[in-house]
Amino acid sequence: MPFHTRQQLEAMDDAELAAALVEATGSEVEQVLIAAILQAQESKLTTHRQVARWIEGTIGRETGRRYQLELEGMSLRALRDLQRLLRDLESEKQNAARRAAMEPWRGW
């Protein structure tokens, strides 16, 4: 196996890293580790899809429209940030409604 630098290893996705491990040793222990890595990757994809579906559902419920957003192309971190934004907006909407009900003379 060719030597990989730390930067090269960090840049690899899970499948590339698994292939590099197989190429390096091929032992049964590494095979088990590779299977665990691949299973974790599949789990991440499920979570990614779940977050994307939650966002699509929330936007659809709040607006009554369907938007053609490429959510599955976004990173999980970006999806989580978008999810947090939607929750923050919902909270702000509820706070504004509460303020308007408590102080209607202010014209909120």
PDB file of N, CA and C in Angstrom:
ATOM      1  N   MET A   1       0.829  -1.182   0.000  1.00  0.00           N
ATOM      2  CA  MET A   1       0.000   0.000   0.000  1.00  0.00           C
ATOM      3  C   MET A   1       0.872   1.245   0.000  1.00  0.00           C
ATOM      4  N   PRO A   2       0.506   2.234  -0.788  1.00  0.00           N
ATOM      5  CA  PRO A   2       1.257   3.483  -0.736  1.00  0.00           C
ATOM      6  C   PRO A   2       0.998   4.200   0.585  1.00  0.00           C
ATOM      7  N   PHE A   3       1.985   4.943   1.033  1.00  0.00           N
ATOM      8  CA  PHE A   3       1.859   5.699   2.268  1.00  0.00           C
ATOM      9  C   PHE A   3       0.920   6.882   2.055  1.00  0.00           C
ATOM     10  N   HIS A   4      -0.005   7.106   2.996  1.00  0.00           N
ATOM     11  CA  HIS A   4      -0.924   8.247   2.930  1.00  0.00           C
ATOM     12  C   HIS A   4      -0.572   9.220   4.050  1.00  0.00           C
ATOM     13  N   THR A   5      -0.579  10.487   3.725  1.00  0.00           N
ATOM     14  CA  THR A   5      -0.350  11.500   4.753  1.00  0.00           C
ATOM     15  C   THR A   5      -1.624  11.676   5.566  1.00  0.00           C
ATOM     16  N   ARG A   6      -1.498  12.325   6.693  1.00  0.00           N
ATOM     17  CA  ARG A   6      -2.664  12.587   7.550  1.00  0.00           C
ATOM     18  C   ARG A   6      -3.712  13.403   6.798  1.00  0.00           C
ATOM     19  N   GLN A   7      -3.269  14.415   6.047  1.00  0.00           N
ATOM     20  CA  GLN A   7      -4.201  15.243   5.291  1.00  0.00           C
ATOM     21  C   GLN A   7      -4.957  14.417   4.248  1.00  0.00           C
ATOM     22  N   GLN A   8      -4.244  13.503   3.594  1.00  0.00           N
ATOM     23  CA  GLN A   8      -4.896  12.649   2.607  1.00  0.00           C
ATOM     24  C   GLN A   8      -5.941  11.753   3.272  1.00  0.00           C
ATOM     25  N   LEU A   9      -5.593  11.195   4.415  1.00  0.00           N
ATOM     26  CA  LEU A   9      -6.533  10.326   5.126  1.00  0.00           C
ATOM     27  C   LEU A   9      -7.761  11.096   5.604  1.00  0.00           C
ATOM     28  N   GLU A  10      -7.552  12.320   6.108  1.00  0.00           N
ATOM     29  CA  GLU A  10      -8.681  13.123   6.573  1.00  0.00           C
ATOM     30  C   GLU A  10      -9.581  13.551   5.428  1.00  0.00           C
ATOM     31  N   ALA A  11      -9.030  13.692   4.233  1.00  0.00           N
ATOM     32  CA  ALA A  11      -9.819  14.120   3.077  1.00  0.00           C
ATOM     33  C   ALA A  11     -10.633  12.976   2.476  1.00  0.00           C
ATOM     34  N   MET A  12     -10.285  11.731   2.824  1.00  0.00           N
ATOM     35  CA  MET A  12     -10.988  10.579   2.261  1.00  0.00           C
ATOM     36  C   MET A  12     -12.375  10.442   2.869  1.00  0.00           C
ATOM     37  N   ASP A  13     -13.340  10.018   2.034  1.00  0.00           N
ATOM     38  CA  ASP A  13     -14.636   9.677   2.603  1.00  0.00           C
ATOM     39  C   ASP A  13     -14.525   8.272   3.205  1.00  0.00           C
ATOM     40  N   ASP A  14     -15.592   7.810   3.850  1.00  0.00           N
ATOM     41  CA  ASP A  14     -15.529   6.536   4.558  1.00  0.00           C
ATOM     42  C   ASP A  14     -15.213   5.364   3.633  1.00  0.00           C
ATOM     43  N   ALA A  15     -15.768   5.357   2.432  1.00  0.00           N
ATOM     44  CA  ALA A  15     -15.532   4.250   1.505  1.00  0.00           C
ATOM     45  C   ALA A  15     -14.064   4.213   1.064  1.00  0.00           C
ATOM     46  N   GLU A  16     -13.488   5.380   0.774  1.00  0.00           N
ATOM     47  CA  GLU A  16     -12.080   5.430   0.377  1.00  0.00           C
ATOM     48  C   GLU A  16     -11.177   4.991   1.522  1.00  0.00           C
ATOM     49  N   LEU A  17     -11.533   5.419   2.738  1.00  0.00           N
ATOM     50  CA  LEU A  17     -10.754   5.028   3.904  1.00  0.00           C
ATOM     51  C   LEU A  17     -10.844   3.525   4.127  1.00  0.00           C
ATOM     52  N   ALA A  18     -12.033   2.972   3.953  1.00  0.00           N
ATOM     53  CA  ALA A  18     -12.210   1.531   4.101  1.00  0.00           C
ATOM     54  C   ALA A  18     -11.368   0.780   3.066  1.00  0.00           C
ATOM     55  N   ALA A  19     -11.371   1.255   1.822  1.00  0.00           N
ATOM     56  CA  ALA A  19     -10.576   0.616   0.777  1.00  0.00           C
ATOM     57  C   ALA A  19      -9.090   0.690   1.104  1.00  0.00           C
ATOM     58  N   ALA A  20      -8.659   1.813   1.639  1.00  0.00           N
ATOM     59  CA  ALA A  20      -7.253   1.959   2.014  1.00  0.00           C
ATOM     60  C   ALA A  20      -6.891   0.983   3.131  1.00  0.00           C
ATOM     61  N   LEU A  21      -7.805   0.775   4.073  1.00  0.00           N
ATOM     62  CA  LEU A  21      -7.542  -0.178   5.153  1.00  0.00           C
ATOM     63  C   LEU A  21      -7.441  -1.605   4.630  1.00  0.00           C
ATOM     64  N   VAL A  22      -8.341  -1.960   3.718  1.00  0.00           N
ATOM     65  CA  VAL A  22      -8.300  -3.301   3.134  1.00  0.00           C
ATOM     66  C   VAL A  22      -6.990  -3.501   2.394  1.00  0.00           C
ATOM     67  N   GLU A  23      -6.594  -2.513   1.632  1.00  0.00           N
ATOM     68  CA  GLU A  23      -5.351  -2.585   0.869  1.00  0.00           C
ATOM     69  C   GLU A  23      -4.153  -2.696   1.802  1.00  0.00           C
ATOM     70  N   ALA A  24      -4.248  -2.043   2.962  1.00  0.00           N
ATOM     71  CA  ALA A  24      -3.117  -2.023   3.882  1.00  0.00           C
ATOM     72  C   ALA A  24      -2.877  -3.378   4.530  1.00  0.00           C
ATOM     73  N   THR A  25      -3.921  -4.043   4.995  1.00  0.00           N
ATOM     74  CA  THR A  25      -3.701  -5.272   5.754  1.00  0.00           C
ATOM     75  C   THR A  25      -4.550  -6.438   5.289  1.00  0.00           C
ATOM     76  N   GLY A  26      -5.830  -6.200   5.081  1.00  0.00           N
ATOM     77  CA  GLY A  26      -6.716  -7.271   4.663  1.00  0.00           C
ATOM     78  C   GLY A  26      -7.050  -8.244   5.771  1.00  0.00           C
ATOM     79  N   SER A  27      -6.683  -7.969   7.000  1.00  0.00           N
ATOM     80  CA  SER A  27      -6.964  -8.908   8.089  1.00  0.00           C
ATOM     81  C   SER A  27      -8.431  -8.833   8.501  1.00  0.00           C
ATOM     82  N   GLU A  28      -8.876  -9.842   9.233  1.00  0.00           N
ATOM     83  CA  GLU A  28     -10.273  -9.907   9.636  1.00  0.00           C
ATOM     84  C   GLU A  28     -10.657  -8.777  10.577  1.00  0.00           C
ATOM     85  N   VAL A  29      -9.764  -8.360  11.430  1.00  0.00           N
ATOM     86  CA  VAL A  29     -10.061  -7.265  12.362  1.00  0.00           C
ATOM     87  C   VAL A  29     -10.382  -5.995  11.580  1.00  0.00           C
ATOM     88  N   GLU A  30      -9.578  -5.701  10.582  1.00  0.00           N
ATOM     89  CA  GLU A  30      -9.820  -4.519   9.776  1.00  0.00           C
ATOM     90  C   GLU A  30     -11.135  -4.648   9.004  1.00  0.00           C
ATOM     91  N   GLN A  31     -11.465  -5.863   8.574  1.00  0.00           N
ATOM     92  CA  GLN A  31     -12.729  -6.074   7.859  1.00  0.00           C
ATOM     93  C   GLN A  31     -13.915  -5.719   8.756  1.00  0.00           C
ATOM     94  N   VAL A  32     -13.825  -6.114  10.024  1.00  0.00           N
ATOM     95  CA  VAL A  32     -14.894  -5.785  10.978  1.00  0.00           C
ATOM     96  C   VAL A  32     -14.979  -4.274  11.169  1.00  0.00           C
ATOM     97  N   LEU A  33     -13.828  -3.615  11.295  1.00  0.00           N
ATOM     98  CA  LEU A  33     -13.818  -2.154  11.444  1.00  0.00           C
ATOM     99  C   LEU A  33     -14.409  -1.473  10.215  1.00  0.00           C
ATOM    100  N   ILE A  34     -14.084  -1.974   9.054  1.00  0.00           N
ATOM    101  CA  ILE A  34     -14.605  -1.411   7.809  1.00  0.00           C
ATOM    102  C   ILE A  34     -16.114  -1.553   7.765  1.00  0.00           C
ATOM    103  N   ALA A  35     -16.613  -2.718   8.148  1.00  0.00           N
ATOM    104  CA  ALA A  35     -18.066  -2.923   8.170  1.00  0.00           C
ATOM    105  C   ALA A  35     -18.730  -1.933   9.112  1.00  0.00           C
ATOM    106  N   ALA A  36     -18.102  -1.678  10.269  1.00  0.00           N
ATOM    107  CA  ALA A  36     -18.665  -0.719  11.225  1.00  0.00           C
ATOM    108  C   ALA A  36     -18.669   0.693  10.652  1.00  0.00           C
ATOM    109  N   ILE A  37     -17.599   1.064   9.956  1.00  0.00           N
ATOM    110  CA  ILE A  37     -17.529   2.389   9.335  1.00  0.00           C
ATOM    111  C   ILE A  37     -18.624   2.542   8.288  1.00  0.00           C
ATOM    112  N   LEU A  38     -18.794   1.529   7.458  1.00  0.00           N
ATOM    113  CA  LEU A  38     -19.815   1.602   6.410  1.00  0.00           C
ATOM    114  C   LEU A  38     -21.217   1.654   7.008  1.00  0.00           C
ATOM    115  N   GLN A  39     -21.441   0.920   8.088  1.00  0.00           N
ATOM    116  CA  GLN A  39     -22.743   0.954   8.745  1.00  0.00           C
ATOM    117  C   GLN A  39     -23.008   2.340   9.335  1.00  0.00           C
ATOM    118  N   ALA A  40     -21.987   2.944   9.919  1.00  0.00           N
ATOM    119  CA  ALA A  40     -22.137   4.295  10.461  1.00  0.00           C
ATOM    120  C   ALA A  40     -22.454   5.287   9.345  1.00  0.00           C
ATOM    121  N   GLN A  41     -21.816   5.109   8.190  1.00  0.00           N
ATOM    122  CA  GLN A  41     -22.076   5.987   7.049  1.00  0.00           C
ATOM    123  C   GLN A  41     -23.525   5.864   6.598  1.00  0.00           C
ATOM    124  N   GLU A  42     -24.042   4.630   6.537  1.00  0.00           N
ATOM    125  CA  GLU A  42     -25.441   4.424   6.162  1.00  0.00           C
ATOM    126  C   GLU A  42     -26.371   5.080   7.169  1.00  0.00           C
ATOM    127  N   SER A  43     -26.023   4.994   8.436  1.00  0.00           N
ATOM    128  CA  SER A  43     -26.826   5.620   9.487  1.00  0.00           C
ATOM    129  C   SER A  43     -26.852   7.131   9.313  1.00  0.00           C
ATOM    130  N   LYS A  44     -25.695   7.714   8.957  1.00  0.00           N
ATOM    131  CA  LYS A  44     -25.629   9.159   8.711  1.00  0.00           C
ATOM    132  C   LYS A  44     -26.545   9.545   7.563  1.00  0.00           C
ATOM    133  N   LEU A  45     -26.584   8.719   6.507  1.00  0.00           N
ATOM    134  CA  LEU A  45     -27.442   9.017   5.367  1.00  0.00           C
ATOM    135  C   LEU A  45     -28.901   9.002   5.769  1.00  0.00           C
ATOM    136  N   THR A  46     -29.292   8.046   6.623  1.00  0.00           N
ATOM    137  CA  THR A  46     -30.676   7.996   7.090  1.00  0.00           C
ATOM    138  C   THR A  46     -31.003   9.263   7.859  1.00  0.00           C
ATOM    139  N   THR A  47     -30.114   9.667   8.756  1.00  0.00           N
ATOM    140  CA  THR A  47     -30.329  10.895   9.518  1.00  0.00           C
ATOM    141  C   THR A  47     -30.420  12.089   8.578  1.00  0.00           C
ATOM    142  N   HIS A  48     -29.553  12.131   7.591  1.00  0.00           N
ATOM    143  CA  HIS A  48     -29.533  13.217   6.612  1.00  0.00           C
ATOM    144  C   HIS A  48     -30.887  13.302   5.912  1.00  0.00           C
ATOM    145  N   ARG A  49     -31.399  12.155   5.470  1.00  0.00           N
ATOM    146  CA  ARG A  49     -32.698  12.133   4.794  1.00  0.00           C
ATOM    147  C   ARG A  49     -33.816  12.544   5.730  1.00  0.00           C
ATOM    148  N   GLN A  50     -33.749  12.102   6.979  1.00  0.00           N
ATOM    149  CA  GLN A  50     -34.783  12.458   7.944  1.00  0.00           C
ATOM    150  C   GLN A  50     -34.821  13.968   8.182  1.00  0.00           C
ATOM    151  N   VAL A  51     -33.669  14.573   8.333  1.00  0.00           N
ATOM    152  CA  VAL A  51     -33.614  16.021   8.540  1.00  0.00           C
ATOM    153  C   VAL A  51     -34.133  16.750   7.298  1.00  0.00           C
ATOM    154  N   ALA A  52     -33.739  16.289   6.115  1.00  0.00           N
ATOM    155  CA  ALA A  52     -34.206  16.908   4.869  1.00  0.00           C
ATOM    156  C   ALA A  52     -35.729  16.810   4.765  1.00  0.00           C
ATOM    157  N   ARG A  53     -36.294  15.651   5.104  1.00  0.00           N
ATOM    158  CA  ARG A  53     -37.757  15.469   5.041  1.00  0.00           C
ATOM    159  C   ARG A  53     -38.461  16.352   6.067  1.00  0.00           C
ATOM    160  N   TRP A  54     -37.870  16.489   7.263  1.00  0.00           N
ATOM    161  CA  TRP A  54     -38.455  17.349   8.290  1.00  0.00           C
ATOM    162  C   TRP A  54     -38.521  18.789   7.791  1.00  0.00           C
ATOM    163  N   ILE A  55     -37.434  19.255   7.185  1.00  0.00           N
ATOM    164  CA  ILE A  55     -37.380  20.624   6.671  1.00  0.00           C
ATOM    165  C   ILE A  55     -38.415  20.813   5.573  1.00  0.00           C
ATOM    166  N   GLU A  56     -38.488  19.868   4.642  1.00  0.00           N
ATOM    167  CA  GLU A  56     -39.475  19.976   3.562  1.00  0.00           C
ATOM    168  C   GLU A  56     -40.888  20.017   4.122  1.00  0.00           C
ATOM    169  N   GLY A  57     -41.178  19.177   5.109  1.00  0.00           N
ATOM    170  CA  GLY A  57     -42.505  19.142   5.721  1.00  0.00           C
ATOM    171  C   GLY A  57     -42.837  20.437   6.431  1.00  0.00           C
ATOM    172  N   THR A  58     -41.877  20.972   7.173  1.00  0.00           N
ATOM    173  CA  THR A  58     -42.102  22.224   7.905  1.00  0.00           C
ATOM    174  C   THR A  58     -42.363  23.371   6.936  1.00  0.00           C
ATOM    175  N   ILE A  59     -41.553  23.473   5.903  1.00  0.00           N
ATOM    176  CA  ILE A  59     -41.750  24.543   4.919  1.00  0.00           C
ATOM    177  C   ILE A  59     -43.110  24.391   4.247  1.00  0.00           C
ATOM    178  N   GLY A  60     -43.473  23.163   3.906  1.00  0.00           N
ATOM    179  CA  GLY A  60     -44.765  22.916   3.275  1.00  0.00           C
ATOM    180  C   GLY A  60     -45.936  23.276   4.172  1.00  0.00           C
ATOM    181  N   ARG A  61     -45.855  22.905   5.450  1.00  0.00           N
ATOM    182  CA  ARG A  61     -46.935  23.223   6.390  1.00  0.00           C
ATOM    183  C   ARG A  61     -47.058  24.725   6.621  1.00  0.00           C
ATOM    184  N   GLU A  62     -45.931  25.390   6.759  1.00  0.00           N
ATOM    185  CA  GLU A  62     -45.954  26.821   7.075  1.00  0.00           C
ATOM    186  C   GLU A  62     -46.356  27.691   5.889  1.00  0.00           C
ATOM    187  N   THR A  63     -46.007  27.288   4.696  1.00  0.00           N
ATOM    188  CA  THR A  63     -46.270  28.133   3.531  1.00  0.00           C
ATOM    189  C   THR A  63     -47.416  27.624   2.667  1.00  0.00           C
ATOM    190  N   GLY A  64     -47.741  26.351   2.807  1.00  0.00           N
ATOM    191  CA  GLY A  64     -48.762  25.776   1.946  1.00  0.00           C
ATOM    192  C   GLY A  64     -48.266  25.563   0.523  1.00  0.00           C
ATOM    193  N   ARG A  65     -46.979  25.621   0.330  1.00  0.00           N
ATOM    194  CA  ARG A  65     -46.369  25.451  -0.990  1.00  0.00           C
ATOM    195  C   ARG A  65     -45.306  24.372  -0.948  1.00  0.00           C
ATOM    196  N   ARG A  66     -44.981  23.891  -2.125  1.00  0.00           N
ATOM    197  CA  ARG A  66     -43.897  22.924  -2.272  1.00  0.00           C
ATOM    198  C   ARG A  66     -42.783  23.601  -3.063  1.00  0.00           C
ATOM    199  N   TYR A  67     -41.599  23.599  -2.517  1.00  0.00           N
ATOM    200  CA  TYR A  67     -40.457  24.218  -3.170  1.00  0.00           C
ATOM    201  C   TYR A  67     -39.511  23.139  -3.679  1.00  0.00           C
ATOM    202  N   GLN A  68     -38.889  23.401  -4.800  1.00  0.00           N
ATOM    203  CA  GLN A  68     -37.926  22.464  -5.387  1.00  0.00           C
ATOM    204  C   GLN A  68     -36.532  22.764  -4.834  1.00  0.00           C
ATOM    205  N   LEU A  69     -36.294  22.342  -3.610  1.00  0.00           N
ATOM    206  CA  LEU A  69     -35.011  22.573  -2.959  1.00  0.00           C
ATOM    207  C   LEU A  69     -34.168  21.300  -3.022  1.00  0.00           C
ATOM    208  N   GLU A  70     -32.895  21.443  -3.248  1.00  0.00           N
ATOM    209  CA  GLU A  70     -31.969  20.318  -3.308  1.00  0.00           C
ATOM    210  C   GLU A  70     -31.394  20.068  -1.908  1.00  0.00           C
ATOM    211  N   LEU A  71     -32.252  19.697  -0.976  1.00  0.00           N
ATOM    212  CA  LEU A  71     -31.816  19.549   0.404  1.00  0.00           C
ATOM    213  C   LEU A  71     -30.867  18.378   0.601  1.00  0.00           C
ATOM    214  N   GLU A  72     -31.072  17.305  -0.144  1.00  0.00           N
ATOM    215  CA  GLU A  72     -30.203  16.145   0.046  1.00  0.00           C
ATOM    216  C   GLU A  72     -28.790  16.399  -0.456  1.00  0.00           C
ATOM    217  N   GLY A  73     -28.608  17.459  -1.229  1.00  0.00           N
ATOM    218  CA  GLY A  73     -27.273  17.824  -1.688  1.00  0.00           C
ATOM    219  C   GLY A  73     -26.505  18.635  -0.660  1.00  0.00           C
ATOM    220  N   MET A  74     -27.209  19.091   0.384  1.00  0.00           N
ATOM    221  CA  MET A  74     -26.574  19.896   1.422  1.00  0.00           C
ATOM    222  C   MET A  74     -25.915  18.982   2.455  1.00  0.00           C
ATOM    223  N   SER A  75     -24.928  19.516   3.139  1.00  0.00           N
ATOM    224  CA  SER A  75     -24.283  18.744   4.202  1.00  0.00           C
ATOM    225  C   SER A  75     -25.239  18.629   5.384  1.00  0.00           C
ATOM    226  N   LEU A  76     -25.007  17.633   6.225  1.00  0.00           N
ATOM    227  CA  LEU A  76     -25.843  17.452   7.406  1.00  0.00           C
ATOM    228  C   LEU A  76     -25.749  18.667   8.315  1.00  0.00           C
ATOM    229  N   ARG A  77     -24.578  19.251   8.416  1.00  0.00           N
ATOM    230  CA  ARG A  77     -24.406  20.447   9.258  1.00  0.00           C
ATOM    231  C   ARG A  77     -25.246  21.610   8.736  1.00  0.00           C
ATOM    232  N   ALA A  78     -25.253  21.806   7.422  1.00  0.00           N
ATOM    233  CA  ALA A  78     -26.060  22.880   6.830  1.00  0.00           C
ATOM    234  C   ALA A  78     -27.548  22.607   7.035  1.00  0.00           C
ATOM    235  N   LEU A  79     -27.946  21.341   6.908  1.00  0.00           N
ATOM    236  CA  LEU A  79     -29.347  20.992   7.146  1.00  0.00           C
ATOM    237  C   LEU A  79     -29.740  21.264   8.592  1.00  0.00           C
ATOM    238  N   ARG A  80     -28.857  20.926   9.523  1.00  0.00           N
ATOM    239  CA  ARG A  80     -29.145  21.190  10.942  1.00  0.00           C
ATOM    240  C   ARG A  80     -29.277  22.696  11.194  1.00  0.00           C
ATOM    241  N   ASP A  81     -28.424  23.494  10.553  1.00  0.00           N
ATOM    242  CA  ASP A  81     -28.526  24.946  10.698  1.00  0.00           C
ATOM    243  C   ASP A  81     -29.842  25.463  10.131  1.00  0.00           C
ATOM    244  N   LEU A  82     -30.245  24.934   8.985  1.00  0.00           N
ATOM    245  CA  LEU A  82     -31.516  25.324   8.390  1.00  0.00           C
ATOM    246  C   LEU A  82     -32.673  24.903   9.287  1.00  0.00           C
ATOM    247  N   GLN A  83     -32.585  23.730   9.874  1.00  0.00           N
ATOM    248  CA  GLN A  83     -33.608  23.261  10.805  1.00  0.00           C
ATOM    249  C   GLN A  83     -33.697  24.199  12.009  1.00  0.00           C
ATOM    250  N   ARG A  84     -32.547  24.597  12.539  1.00  0.00           N
ATOM    251  CA  ARG A  84     -32.523  25.527  13.668  1.00  0.00           C
ATOM    252  C   ARG A  84     -33.125  26.874  13.280  1.00  0.00           C
ATOM    253  N   LEU A  85     -32.825  27.349  12.066  1.00  0.00           N
ATOM    254  CA  LEU A  85     -33.386  28.599  11.583  1.00  0.00           C
ATOM    255  C   LEU A  85     -34.911  28.535  11.529  1.00  0.00           C
ATOM    256  N   LEU A  86     -35.439  27.442  11.000  1.00  0.00           N
ATOM    257  CA  LEU A  86     -36.894  27.297  10.915  1.00  0.00           C
ATOM    258  C   LEU A  86     -37.530  27.277  12.300  1.00  0.00           C
ATOM    259  N   ARG A  87     -36.889  26.602  13.240  1.00  0.00           N
ATOM    260  CA  ARG A  87     -37.405  26.582  14.619  1.00  0.00           C
ATOM    261  C   ARG A  87     -37.340  27.977  15.246  1.00  0.00           C
ATOM    262  N   ASP A  88     -36.251  28.710  14.993  1.00  0.00           N
ATOM    263  CA  ASP A  88     -36.127  30.074  15.513  1.00  0.00           C
ATOM    264  C   ASP A  88     -37.202  30.981  14.928  1.00  0.00           C
ATOM    265  N   LEU A  89     -37.469  30.831  13.635  1.00  0.00           N
ATOM    266  CA  LEU A  89     -38.507  31.651  13.003  1.00  0.00           C
ATOM    267  C   LEU A  89     -39.885  31.343  13.584  1.00  0.00           C
ATOM    268  N   GLU A  90     -40.154  30.076  13.845  1.00  0.00           N
ATOM    269  CA  GLU A  90     -41.424  29.688  14.458  1.00  0.00           C
ATOM    270  C   GLU A  90     -41.549  30.305  15.848  1.00  0.00           C
ATOM    271  N   SER A  91     -40.470  30.273  16.600  1.00  0.00           N
ATOM    272  CA  SER A  91     -40.462  30.867  17.939  1.00  0.00           C
ATOM    273  C   SER A  91     -40.699  32.376  17.865  1.00  0.00           C
ATOM    274  N   GLU A  92     -40.036  33.045  16.929  1.00  0.00           N
ATOM    275  CA  GLU A  92     -40.233  34.490  16.754  1.00  0.00           C
ATOM    276  C   GLU A  92     -41.676  34.810  16.376  1.00  0.00           C
ATOM    277  N   LYS A  93     -42.268  33.989  15.525  1.00  0.00           N
ATOM    278  CA  LYS A  93     -43.655  34.196  15.115  1.00  0.00           C
ATOM    279  C   LYS A  93     -44.582  34.080  16.326  1.00  0.00           C
ATOM    280  N   GLN A  94     -44.349  33.076  17.169  1.00  0.00           N
ATOM    281  CA  GLN A  94     -45.169  32.907  18.366  1.00  0.00           C
ATOM    282  C   GLN A  94     -44.979  34.064  19.340  1.00  0.00           C
ATOM    283  N   ASN A  95     -43.743  34.517  19.506  1.00  0.00           N
ATOM    284  CA  ASN A  95     -43.477  35.656  20.392  1.00  0.00           C
ATOM    285  C   ASN A  95     -44.146  36.922  19.877  1.00  0.00           C
ATOM    286  N   ALA A  96     -44.111  37.144  18.587  1.00  0.00           N
ATOM    287  CA  ALA A  96     -44.752  38.330  18.009  1.00  0.00           C
ATOM    288  C   ALA A  96     -46.267  38.276  18.208  1.00  0.00           C
ATOM    289  N   ALA A  97     -46.855  37.111  18.044  1.00  0.00           N
ATOM    290  CA  ALA A  97     -48.293  36.970  18.254  1.00  0.00           C
ATOM    291  C   ALA A  97     -48.643  37.225  19.715  1.00  0.00           C
ATOM    292  N   ARG A  98     -47.831  36.732  20.626  1.00  0.00           N
ATOM    293  CA  ARG A  98     -48.046  36.963  22.053  1.00  0.00           C
ATOM    294  C   ARG A  98     -47.941  38.446  22.395  1.00  0.00           C
ATOM    295  N   ARG A  99     -46.914  39.109  21.863  1.00  0.00           N
ATOM    296  CA  ARG A  99     -46.743  40.549  22.122  1.00  0.00           C
ATOM    297  C   ARG A  99     -47.918  41.343  21.570  1.00  0.00           C
ATOM    298  N   ALA A 100     -48.369  40.992  20.401  1.00  0.00           N
ATOM    299  CA  ALA A 100     -49.500  41.700  19.785  1.00  0.00           C
ATOM    300  C   ALA A 100     -50.769  41.506  20.595  1.00  0.00           C
ATOM    301  N   ALA A 101     -50.964  40.342  21.169  1.00  0.00           N
ATOM    302  CA  ALA A 101     -52.153  40.085  21.978  1.00  0.00           C
ATOM    303  C   ALA A 101     -52.087  40.819  23.312  1.00  0.00           C
ATOM    304  N   MET A 102     -50.875  40.939  23.870  1.00  0.00           N
ATOM    305  CA  MET A 102     -50.721  41.573  25.173  1.00  0.00           C
ATOM    306  C   MET A 102     -50.732  43.097  25.060  1.00  0.00           C
ATOM    307  N   GLU A 103     -50.249  43.645  23.982  1.00  0.00           N
ATOM    308  CA  GLU A 103     -50.129  45.097  23.825  1.00  0.00           C
ATOM    309  C   GLU A 103     -50.639  45.529  22.448  1.00  0.00           C
ATOM    310  N   PRO A 104     -51.946  45.406  22.189  1.00  0.00           N
ATOM    311  CA  PRO A 104     -52.460  45.718  20.844  1.00  0.00           C
ATOM    312  C   PRO A 104     -52.313  47.194  20.477  1.00  0.00           C
ATOM    313  N   TRP A 105     -52.233  48.081  21.456  1.00  0.00           N
ATOM    314  CA  TRP A 105     -52.106  49.509  21.179  1.00  0.00           C
ATOM    315  C   TRP A 105     -50.772  49.880  20.552  1.00  0.00           C
ATOM    316  N   ARG A 106     -49.776  49.010  20.676  1.00  0.00           N
ATOM    317  CA  ARG A 106     -48.459  49.309  20.111  1.00  0.00           C
ATOM    318  C   ARG A 106     -48.407  49.019  18.619  1.00  0.00           C
ATOM    319  N   GLY A 107     -49.359  48.321  18.117  1.00  0.00           N
ATOM    320  CA  GLY A 107     -49.384  48.041  16.670  1.00  0.00           C
ATOM    321  C   GLY A 107     -48.337  47.058  16.223  1.00  0.00           C
ATOM    322  N   TRP A 108     -48.035  46.091  17.060  1.00  0.00           N
ATOM    323  CA  TRP A 108     -47.050  45.074  16.673  1.00  0.00           C
ATOM    324  C   TRP A 108     -47.555  44.448  15.443  1.00  0.00           C
TER     325      TRP A 108
END
